[in-house]
Amino acid sequence: MSQSLREIKVAKTKKLIKETLLDLIEEKGFEAISVRDITLKAGLNRGTFYLHYRDKYDLMEKSQNEILEGLQDRLIFIRPKEMNEFYSNDMVYPPILNVYHYLKENQRFIKILISTKGDPAFPKKMKEHIKETIYEKLVDLLEEEYMIDIPHEYTTAFISSAFFGLLEQWLEKEEPITPEEMAIMHMKLLKFMKTFVSQIAK
């Protein structure tokens, strides 16, 4: 069903507010921003802002949730056993490539939020999504295959943090390599990690 004119207008207003938030975070950091700063820079009245958000914290939370839900919608298609089969044959796994495309599309938001000017809680939220969706299952697979004698939560934390570090390094660059190149790098790093774990488990 097509959107009504009102829905289109609301979507444009919310997009403007979110983009203005990012501009201001880059300028002076989230804590220094007020609702008045946002509405003045966006050319909106405060009433328009309060139609959609309670305050700047509500705006931040809803913006983060939107990004993380979009990431979750792509992560749920990843099946560790299936991914393992692709990687064993030196093939890029399409759902992982889709994740990298999504992250590239939202690079500016994520980059700003994980910076020192953003929200200190955001990296942890993002890591939790990644851990719960992919790496809990991946570690289950590794533990089943290699009988790793390390507490499950530590192995999961190690592997998911390594993946988040990879994303952080990628997104922080002014001209990051392509999602296709990142998907290949992800494949190589996971294959290396499997080899490393197999050596430890011997």
Protein backbone atom coordinates (compact mmCIF):
# COMPACT_ATOMS: atom_id res chain seq x y z
CA MET A 1 0.00 0.00 0.00
CA SER A 2 1.38 3.40 -0.96
CA GLN A 3 2.20 5.96 1.71
CA SER A 4 -0.09 8.89 2.32
CA LEU A 5 1.20 12.45 1.94
CA ARG A 6 1.15 12.81 5.72
CA GLU A 7 3.24 9.65 6.19
CA ILE A 8 5.76 10.90 3.64
CA LYS A 9 5.95 14.28 5.39
CA VAL A 10 6.43 12.63 8.80
CA ALA A 11 9.20 10.39 7.42
CA LYS A 12 11.00 13.41 5.90
CA THR A 13 10.72 15.35 9.17
CA LYS A 14 12.12 12.46 11.20
CA LYS A 15 14.97 12.01 8.73
CA LEU A 16 15.79 15.73 8.96
CA ILE A 17 15.78 15.59 12.78
CA LYS A 18 18.07 12.52 12.82
CA GLU A 19 20.51 14.02 10.30
CA THR A 20 20.57 17.26 12.31
CA LEU A 21 21.32 15.25 15.44
CA LEU A 22 24.32 13.66 13.72
CA ASP A 23 25.57 17.06 12.49
CA LEU A 24 25.41 18.44 16.03
CA ILE A 25 27.07 15.40 17.58
CA GLU A 26 29.96 15.88 15.15
CA GLU A 27 30.13 19.58 16.07
CA LYS A 28 30.02 19.38 19.86
CA GLY A 29 29.14 15.93 21.17
CA PHE A 30 25.80 14.51 22.25
CA GLU A 31 25.87 15.67 25.88
CA ALA A 32 26.24 19.33 24.85
CA ILE A 33 23.21 19.26 22.53
CA SER A 34 19.77 20.59 23.47
CA VAL A 35 16.39 20.17 21.75
CA ARG A 36 16.59 23.90 20.96
CA ASP A 37 19.89 23.32 19.11
CA ILE A 38 18.26 20.59 17.03
CA THR A 39 15.14 22.57 16.10
CA LEU A 40 17.08 25.76 15.29
CA LYS A 41 19.54 23.96 13.03
CA ALA A 42 16.77 21.93 11.36
CA GLY A 43 14.53 24.99 10.89
CA LEU A 44 11.68 23.39 12.82
CA ASN A 45 9.59 24.57 15.75
CA ARG A 46 9.87 22.73 19.06
CA GLY A 47 6.26 21.54 18.79
CA THR A 48 7.16 19.56 15.66
CA PHE A 49 10.03 17.89 17.48
CA TYR A 50 7.83 16.94 20.45
CA LEU A 51 5.25 15.38 18.14
CA HIS A 52 7.78 12.64 17.51
CA TYR A 53 10.20 12.54 20.46
CA ARG A 54 10.01 13.23 24.20
CA ASP A 55 13.52 14.67 24.39
CA LYS A 56 16.98 14.23 22.87
CA TYR A 57 17.46 10.94 24.72
CA ASP A 58 14.28 9.52 23.23
CA LEU A 59 15.47 10.64 19.79
CA MET A 60 18.82 8.95 20.35
CA GLU A 61 17.27 5.72 21.62
CA LYS A 62 14.76 5.46 18.77
CA SER A 63 17.43 6.23 16.17
CA GLN A 64 19.70 3.55 17.61
CA ASN A 65 16.91 1.00 17.80
CA GLU A 66 16.00 1.63 14.19
CA ILE A 67 19.58 0.96 13.07
CA LEU A 68 19.96 -2.11 15.28
CA GLU A 69 16.61 -3.56 14.20
CA GLY A 70 17.67 -3.17 10.56
CA LEU A 71 20.92 -4.96 11.37
CA GLN A 72 19.02 -7.69 13.20
CA ASP A 73 16.73 -8.16 10.19
CA ARG A 74 19.80 -9.05 8.14
CA LEU A 75 21.70 -11.03 10.76
CA ILE A 76 18.82 -13.47 11.28
CA PHE A 77 19.40 -14.94 7.80
CA ILE A 78 22.90 -16.08 8.78
CA ARG A 79 23.18 -19.80 9.50
CA PRO A 80 26.62 -20.70 10.96
CA LYS A 81 26.66 -24.22 9.50
CA GLU A 82 25.67 -22.90 6.08
CA MET A 83 28.26 -20.12 6.37
CA ASN A 84 30.89 -22.69 7.31
CA GLU A 85 30.10 -24.67 4.15
CA PHE A 86 30.49 -21.59 1.96
CA TYR A 87 33.75 -20.60 3.64
CA SER A 88 35.13 -24.15 3.40
CA ASN A 89 34.74 -23.80 -0.37
CA ASP A 90 36.29 -20.28 -0.44
CA MET A 91 32.94 -18.73 -1.31
CA VAL A 92 31.55 -15.46 0.05
CA TYR A 93 28.40 -16.07 2.09
CA PRO A 94 25.56 -13.89 0.64
CA PRO A 95 23.85 -13.03 3.99
CA ILE A 96 27.19 -11.74 5.35
CA LEU A 97 27.64 -9.63 2.23
CA ASN A 98 24.14 -8.23 2.81
CA VAL A 99 25.13 -7.27 6.37
CA TYR A 100 28.17 -5.38 5.10
CA HIS A 101 26.07 -3.52 2.53
CA TYR A 102 23.68 -2.46 5.30
CA LEU A 103 26.53 -1.29 7.53
CA LYS A 104 28.04 0.70 4.66
CA GLU A 105 24.66 2.37 3.98
CA ASN A 106 24.51 3.42 7.64
CA GLN A 107 28.21 4.15 8.01
CA ARG A 108 27.85 7.78 9.07
CA PHE A 109 25.40 7.05 11.89
CA ILE A 110 27.36 4.10 13.27
CA LYS A 111 30.71 5.87 12.92
CA ILE A 112 29.48 8.91 14.86
CA LEU A 113 27.74 6.84 17.54
CA ILE A 114 30.82 4.72 18.31
CA SER A 115 33.08 7.78 18.42
CA THR A 116 34.02 9.61 21.64
CA LYS A 117 31.39 12.26 20.83
CA GLY A 118 28.57 9.72 20.47
CA ASP A 119 26.91 7.39 22.97
CA PRO A 120 29.30 5.27 25.10
CA ALA A 121 26.54 2.64 25.47
CA PHE A 122 26.02 2.11 21.72
CA PRO A 123 29.07 -0.10 20.99
CA LYS A 124 27.96 -2.51 23.73
CA LYS A 125 24.41 -2.64 22.33
CA MET A 126 25.72 -3.35 18.85
CA LYS A 127 28.11 -6.04 20.11
CA GLU A 128 25.25 -7.73 21.97
CA HIS A 129 23.17 -7.89 18.77
CA ILE A 130 26.10 -9.40 16.87
CA LYS A 131 26.93 -11.85 19.67
CA GLU A 132 23.39 -13.07 20.22
CA THR A 133 22.55 -13.45 16.54
CA ILE A 134 25.70 -14.91 15.01
CA TYR A 135 28.50 -15.67 17.38
CA GLU A 136 26.63 -17.57 20.09
CA LYS A 137 25.69 -20.09 17.37
CA LEU A 138 29.12 -20.01 15.75
CA VAL A 139 30.84 -20.73 19.07
CA ASP A 140 28.40 -23.60 19.65
CA LEU A 141 29.55 -25.03 16.33
CA LEU A 142 33.25 -24.60 17.16
CA GLU A 143 32.83 -26.10 20.63
CA GLU A 144 30.98 -29.08 19.19
CA GLU A 145 33.68 -29.63 16.56
CA TYR A 146 36.80 -29.00 18.64
CA MET A 147 35.68 -29.57 22.25
CA ILE A 148 37.19 -26.27 23.39
CA ASP A 149 37.98 -26.30 27.12
CA ILE A 150 37.15 -22.59 27.69
CA PRO A 151 33.95 -21.24 29.31
CA HIS A 152 31.40 -20.55 26.60
CA GLU A 153 30.79 -16.89 27.51
CA TYR A 154 34.52 -16.08 27.22
CA THR A 155 34.88 -17.70 23.82
CA THR A 156 31.78 -15.90 22.56
CA ALA A 157 32.96 -12.56 23.96
CA PHE A 158 36.38 -13.02 22.33
CA ILE A 159 35.08 -13.86 18.86
CA SER A 160 32.23 -11.31 18.78
CA SER A 161 34.54 -8.54 20.07
CA ALA A 162 37.05 -9.39 17.34
CA PHE A 163 34.30 -9.06 14.73
CA PHE A 164 33.14 -5.74 16.19
CA GLY A 165 36.74 -4.49 16.15
CA LEU A 166 36.91 -5.38 12.47
CA LEU A 167 33.72 -3.40 11.76
CA GLU A 168 34.96 -0.45 13.80
CA GLN A 169 38.25 -0.35 11.91
CA TRP A 170 36.39 -0.49 8.60
CA LEU A 171 33.75 2.14 9.32
CA GLU A 172 36.17 4.63 10.83
CA LYS A 173 38.02 5.06 7.55
CA GLU A 174 37.11 8.00 5.32
CA GLU A 175 37.08 5.76 2.25
CA PRO A 176 36.49 2.22 3.49
CA ILE A 177 36.96 -0.76 1.22
CA THR A 178 33.84 -2.19 -0.41
CA PRO A 179 31.33 -4.51 1.30
CA GLU A 180 32.44 -7.21 -1.16
CA GLU A 181 36.06 -6.86 -0.01
CA MET A 182 34.96 -6.92 3.63
CA ALA A 183 32.94 -10.09 3.07
CA ILE A 184 36.06 -11.75 1.63
CA MET A 185 38.13 -10.52 4.59
CA HIS A 186 35.52 -11.86 7.00
CA MET A 187 35.74 -15.24 5.30
CA LYS A 188 39.55 -15.29 5.54
CA LEU A 189 39.58 -14.22 9.19
CA LEU A 190 37.01 -16.82 10.23
CA LYS A 191 38.93 -19.53 8.39
CA PHE A 192 42.09 -18.38 10.16
CA MET A 193 40.26 -18.43 13.50
CA LYS A 194 39.03 -21.97 12.87
CA THR A 195 42.58 -23.09 12.08
CA PHE A 196 43.84 -21.34 15.21
CA VAL A 197 41.18 -22.96 17.39
CA SER A 198 41.88 -26.39 15.92
CA GLN A 199 45.57 -26.02 16.83
CA ILE A 200 44.71 -25.02 20.41
CA ALA A 201 42.29 -27.92 20.74
CA LYS A 202 44.92 -30.52 19.77
